[in-house]
Amino acid sequence: MKNSMDYIYSANEEKIVIEVEQRSTRRAVIEQYVRCRKIQGMTQEQLAKRAGIPRSNITRFESGNYNPSLELLVRIAAALGMTLQMHLTAKE
């Protein structure tokens, strides 16, 4: 049974399940990071070393079993030679 904290409401009172939204967004972010790492031919170990974090954090992040902080996302992006940009977009 879900409680009222499991939902947010849009301007037109549309009920949105936060958990579903988070899972979808997290999966999309992870896929981008993994794709960029692989395009560069970098292993998880190499990325972890460049980012100055344990490899286990990279492994847990890429498997979806870790909810990284914004700081960690920025750090990993920098280790990939990239910057992190976040955008809010209107739902269609």
N, C-alpha and C. Protein backbone atom coordinates (compact mmCIF):
# COMPACT_ATOMS: atom_id res chain seq x y z
N MET A 1 0.84 -1.18 0.00
CA MET A 1 0.00 0.00 0.00
C MET A 1 0.89 1.25 0.00
N LYS A 2 0.67 2.14 -0.92
CA LYS A 2 1.46 3.35 -1.03
C LYS A 2 0.87 4.43 -0.14
N ASN A 3 1.76 5.25 0.41
CA ASN A 3 1.27 6.38 1.19
C ASN A 3 1.32 7.65 0.35
N SER A 4 0.84 8.74 0.87
CA SER A 4 0.76 9.97 0.08
C SER A 4 2.12 10.52 -0.31
N MET A 5 3.18 10.12 0.35
CA MET A 5 4.52 10.59 0.03
C MET A 5 5.08 9.92 -1.23
N ASP A 6 4.42 8.92 -1.73
CA ASP A 6 4.88 8.22 -2.92
C ASP A 6 4.46 8.92 -4.21
N TYR A 7 3.73 10.01 -4.09
CA TYR A 7 3.19 10.68 -5.26
C TYR A 7 3.55 12.16 -5.26
N ILE A 8 3.63 12.70 -6.45
CA ILE A 8 3.66 14.15 -6.62
C ILE A 8 2.53 14.47 -7.58
N TYR A 9 2.15 15.72 -7.66
CA TYR A 9 1.05 16.10 -8.53
C TYR A 9 1.50 17.18 -9.50
N SER A 10 1.11 17.03 -10.73
CA SER A 10 1.43 18.04 -11.74
C SER A 10 0.45 19.20 -11.60
N ALA A 11 0.67 20.24 -12.38
CA ALA A 11 -0.18 21.43 -12.32
C ALA A 11 -1.64 21.10 -12.63
N ASN A 12 -1.88 20.09 -13.45
CA ASN A 12 -3.26 19.73 -13.78
C ASN A 12 -3.77 18.59 -12.92
N GLU A 13 -3.14 18.43 -11.75
CA GLU A 13 -3.54 17.43 -10.75
C GLU A 13 -3.30 15.99 -11.19
N GLU A 14 -2.47 15.79 -12.20
CA GLU A 14 -2.11 14.44 -12.63
C GLU A 14 -1.22 13.82 -11.55
N LYS A 15 -1.55 12.63 -11.12
CA LYS A 15 -0.79 11.95 -10.08
C LYS A 15 0.41 11.26 -10.75
N ILE A 16 1.61 11.48 -10.21
CA ILE A 16 2.82 10.88 -10.75
C ILE A 16 3.47 10.07 -9.64
N VAL A 17 3.76 8.81 -9.90
CA VAL A 17 4.40 7.96 -8.92
C VAL A 17 5.90 8.28 -8.92
N ILE A 18 6.40 8.79 -7.84
CA ILE A 18 7.79 9.22 -7.74
C ILE A 18 8.75 8.06 -8.00
N GLU A 19 8.49 6.92 -7.42
CA GLU A 19 9.38 5.76 -7.55
C GLU A 19 9.59 5.39 -9.01
N VAL A 20 8.53 5.37 -9.79
CA VAL A 20 8.62 5.03 -11.22
C VAL A 20 9.43 6.09 -11.96
N GLU A 21 9.18 7.34 -11.65
CA GLU A 21 9.90 8.45 -12.28
C GLU A 21 11.39 8.38 -11.96
N GLN A 22 11.71 8.12 -10.70
CA GLN A 22 13.12 8.03 -10.29
C GLN A 22 13.83 6.87 -10.98
N ARG A 23 13.19 5.73 -11.01
CA ARG A 23 13.80 4.54 -11.62
C ARG A 23 14.09 4.78 -13.10
N SER A 24 13.16 5.37 -13.80
CA SER A 24 13.32 5.66 -15.21
C SER A 24 14.47 6.65 -15.45
N THR A 25 14.49 7.71 -14.66
CA THR A 25 15.53 8.72 -14.80
C THR A 25 16.90 8.14 -14.45
N ARG A 26 16.97 7.39 -13.36
CA ARG A 26 18.24 6.78 -12.95
C ARG A 26 18.78 5.87 -14.05
N ARG A 27 17.90 5.05 -14.63
CA ARG A 27 18.33 4.12 -15.68
C ARG A 27 18.87 4.89 -16.89
N ALA A 28 18.23 5.97 -17.27
CA ALA A 28 18.68 6.76 -18.41
C ALA A 28 20.05 7.40 -18.14
N VAL A 29 20.25 7.89 -16.93
CA VAL A 29 21.53 8.50 -16.57
C VAL A 29 22.64 7.45 -16.57
N ILE A 30 22.37 6.31 -15.98
CA ILE A 30 23.36 5.23 -15.94
C ILE A 30 23.75 4.82 -17.36
N GLU A 31 22.78 4.66 -18.23
CA GLU A 31 23.07 4.26 -19.60
C GLU A 31 23.98 5.26 -20.30
N GLN A 32 23.78 6.55 -20.05
CA GLN A 32 24.65 7.58 -20.65
C GLN A 32 26.08 7.44 -20.15
N TYR A 33 26.24 7.28 -18.85
CA TYR A 33 27.59 7.15 -18.28
C TYR A 33 28.30 5.91 -18.81
N VAL A 34 27.61 4.78 -18.81
CA VAL A 34 28.23 3.54 -19.29
C VAL A 34 28.61 3.67 -20.76
N ARG A 35 27.72 4.23 -21.56
CA ARG A 35 28.01 4.42 -22.98
C ARG A 35 29.25 5.28 -23.18
N CYS A 36 29.34 6.39 -22.46
CA CYS A 36 30.51 7.28 -22.58
C CYS A 36 31.79 6.58 -22.15
N ARG A 37 31.72 5.81 -21.07
CA ARG A 37 32.90 5.09 -20.59
C ARG A 37 33.36 4.09 -21.63
N LYS A 38 32.43 3.35 -22.20
CA LYS A 38 32.78 2.32 -23.19
C LYS A 38 33.29 2.93 -24.50
N ILE A 39 32.69 4.03 -24.92
CA ILE A 39 33.15 4.71 -26.13
C ILE A 39 34.62 5.11 -25.98
N GLN A 40 34.99 5.50 -24.78
CA GLN A 40 36.37 5.90 -24.52
C GLN A 40 37.29 4.70 -24.26
N GLY A 41 36.72 3.51 -24.27
CA GLY A 41 37.52 2.31 -24.06
C GLY A 41 38.08 2.22 -22.64
N MET A 42 37.36 2.78 -21.71
CA MET A 42 37.82 2.84 -20.32
C MET A 42 37.15 1.75 -19.49
N THR A 43 37.92 1.11 -18.64
CA THR A 43 37.36 0.11 -17.73
C THR A 43 36.80 0.82 -16.49
N GLN A 44 36.02 0.09 -15.73
CA GLN A 44 35.51 0.65 -14.47
C GLN A 44 36.68 1.01 -13.54
N GLU A 45 37.69 0.17 -13.52
CA GLU A 45 38.87 0.42 -12.67
C GLU A 45 39.58 1.71 -13.08
N GLN A 46 39.76 1.90 -14.37
CA GLN A 46 40.41 3.12 -14.86
C GLN A 46 39.58 4.36 -14.52
N LEU A 47 38.28 4.25 -14.70
CA LEU A 47 37.40 5.38 -14.39
C LEU A 47 37.45 5.70 -12.90
N ALA A 48 37.39 4.68 -12.08
CA ALA A 48 37.44 4.89 -10.63
C ALA A 48 38.74 5.58 -10.22
N LYS A 49 39.85 5.14 -10.79
CA LYS A 49 41.14 5.74 -10.47
C LYS A 49 41.17 7.21 -10.87
N ARG A 50 40.69 7.51 -12.08
CA ARG A 50 40.66 8.91 -12.55
C ARG A 50 39.75 9.77 -11.68
N ALA A 51 38.64 9.19 -11.22
CA ALA A 51 37.67 9.94 -10.41
C ALA A 51 38.08 10.01 -8.94
N GLY A 52 39.04 9.18 -8.55
CA GLY A 52 39.49 9.17 -7.16
C GLY A 52 38.48 8.55 -6.21
N ILE A 53 37.78 7.52 -6.72
CA ILE A 53 36.77 6.84 -5.90
C ILE A 53 36.99 5.33 -6.01
N PRO A 54 36.44 4.55 -5.08
CA PRO A 54 36.58 3.10 -5.16
C PRO A 54 35.85 2.53 -6.39
N ARG A 55 36.43 1.49 -6.98
CA ARG A 55 35.79 0.83 -8.12
C ARG A 55 34.41 0.32 -7.74
N SER A 56 34.25 -0.10 -6.50
CA SER A 56 32.95 -0.63 -6.06
C SER A 56 31.84 0.41 -6.24
N ASN A 57 32.17 1.70 -6.09
CA ASN A 57 31.16 2.74 -6.32
C ASN A 57 30.73 2.79 -7.77
N ILE A 58 31.69 2.64 -8.68
CA ILE A 58 31.37 2.62 -10.11
C ILE A 58 30.52 1.40 -10.43
N THR A 59 30.92 0.25 -9.92
CA THR A 59 30.19 -1.00 -10.17
C THR A 59 28.76 -0.90 -9.65
N ARG A 60 28.59 -0.42 -8.43
CA ARG A 60 27.25 -0.30 -7.85
C ARG A 60 26.42 0.72 -8.62
N PHE A 61 27.04 1.83 -9.01
CA PHE A 61 26.33 2.85 -9.79
C PHE A 61 25.85 2.28 -11.12
N GLU A 62 26.75 1.63 -11.85
CA GLU A 62 26.40 1.10 -13.17
C GLU A 62 25.38 -0.03 -13.10
N SER A 63 25.33 -0.72 -11.98
CA SER A 63 24.35 -1.80 -11.83
C SER A 63 22.99 -1.29 -11.38
N GLY A 64 22.93 -0.01 -11.00
CA GLY A 64 21.68 0.57 -10.54
C GLY A 64 21.42 0.35 -9.07
N ASN A 65 22.42 -0.19 -8.35
CA ASN A 65 22.26 -0.49 -6.92
C ASN A 65 22.82 0.60 -6.02
N TYR A 66 22.96 1.79 -6.56
CA TYR A 66 23.57 2.88 -5.81
C TYR A 66 22.94 4.18 -6.28
N ASN A 67 22.55 4.99 -5.36
CA ASN A 67 21.95 6.28 -5.70
C ASN A 67 23.03 7.34 -5.48
N PRO A 68 23.76 7.70 -6.52
CA PRO A 68 24.91 8.59 -6.35
C PRO A 68 24.50 10.02 -6.04
N SER A 69 25.39 10.70 -5.35
CA SER A 69 25.18 12.12 -5.08
C SER A 69 25.49 12.91 -6.34
N LEU A 70 25.04 14.14 -6.36
CA LEU A 70 25.36 15.03 -7.47
C LEU A 70 26.88 15.20 -7.57
N GLU A 71 27.53 15.30 -6.43
CA GLU A 71 29.00 15.43 -6.41
C GLU A 71 29.66 14.26 -7.12
N LEU A 72 29.19 13.05 -6.86
CA LEU A 72 29.78 11.88 -7.51
C LEU A 72 29.53 11.89 -9.02
N LEU A 73 28.33 12.27 -9.43
CA LEU A 73 28.03 12.35 -10.86
C LEU A 73 28.93 13.36 -11.57
N VAL A 74 29.17 14.49 -10.92
CA VAL A 74 30.06 15.51 -11.49
C VAL A 74 31.48 14.99 -11.56
N ARG A 75 31.91 14.31 -10.52
CA ARG A 75 33.27 13.76 -10.45
C ARG A 75 33.49 12.71 -11.55
N ILE A 76 32.52 11.83 -11.74
CA ILE A 76 32.66 10.79 -12.78
C ILE A 76 32.65 11.44 -14.16
N ALA A 77 31.79 12.41 -14.36
CA ALA A 77 31.75 13.12 -15.65
C ALA A 77 33.11 13.76 -15.93
N ALA A 78 33.69 14.41 -14.94
CA ALA A 78 35.00 15.05 -15.12
C ALA A 78 36.06 14.01 -15.45
N ALA A 79 36.00 12.85 -14.81
CA ALA A 79 36.96 11.78 -15.09
C ALA A 79 36.81 11.25 -16.51
N LEU A 80 35.63 11.42 -17.08
CA LEU A 80 35.39 11.04 -18.47
C LEU A 80 35.74 12.18 -19.43
N GLY A 81 36.21 13.31 -18.88
CA GLY A 81 36.53 14.47 -19.71
C GLY A 81 35.30 15.20 -20.17
N MET A 82 34.25 15.13 -19.37
CA MET A 82 32.96 15.72 -19.74
C MET A 82 32.44 16.59 -18.60
N THR A 83 31.37 17.30 -18.87
CA THR A 83 30.67 18.04 -17.82
C THR A 83 29.26 17.49 -17.72
N LEU A 84 28.71 17.60 -16.55
CA LEU A 84 27.33 17.17 -16.32
C LEU A 84 26.42 18.37 -16.48
N GLN A 85 25.40 18.22 -17.31
CA GLN A 85 24.38 19.26 -17.47
C GLN A 85 23.04 18.62 -17.17
N MET A 86 22.24 19.30 -16.38
CA MET A 86 20.92 18.80 -16.05
C MET A 86 19.90 19.79 -16.59
N HIS A 87 18.82 19.27 -17.12
CA HIS A 87 17.77 20.11 -17.69
C HIS A 87 16.42 19.63 -17.19
N LEU A 88 15.58 20.56 -16.86
CA LEU A 88 14.19 20.25 -16.58
C LEU A 88 13.42 20.51 -17.86
N THR A 89 12.60 19.56 -18.24
CA THR A 89 11.81 19.74 -19.46
C THR A 89 10.34 19.50 -19.14
N ALA A 90 9.50 20.19 -19.85
CA ALA A 90 8.06 20.00 -19.67
C ALA A 90 7.64 18.64 -20.22
N LYS A 91 6.71 18.02 -19.53
CA LYS A 91 6.17 16.75 -20.01
C LYS A 91 5.28 17.02 -21.20
N GLU A 92 5.35 16.13 -22.15
CA GLU A 92 4.52 16.30 -23.36
C GLU A 92 3.20 15.62 -23.21
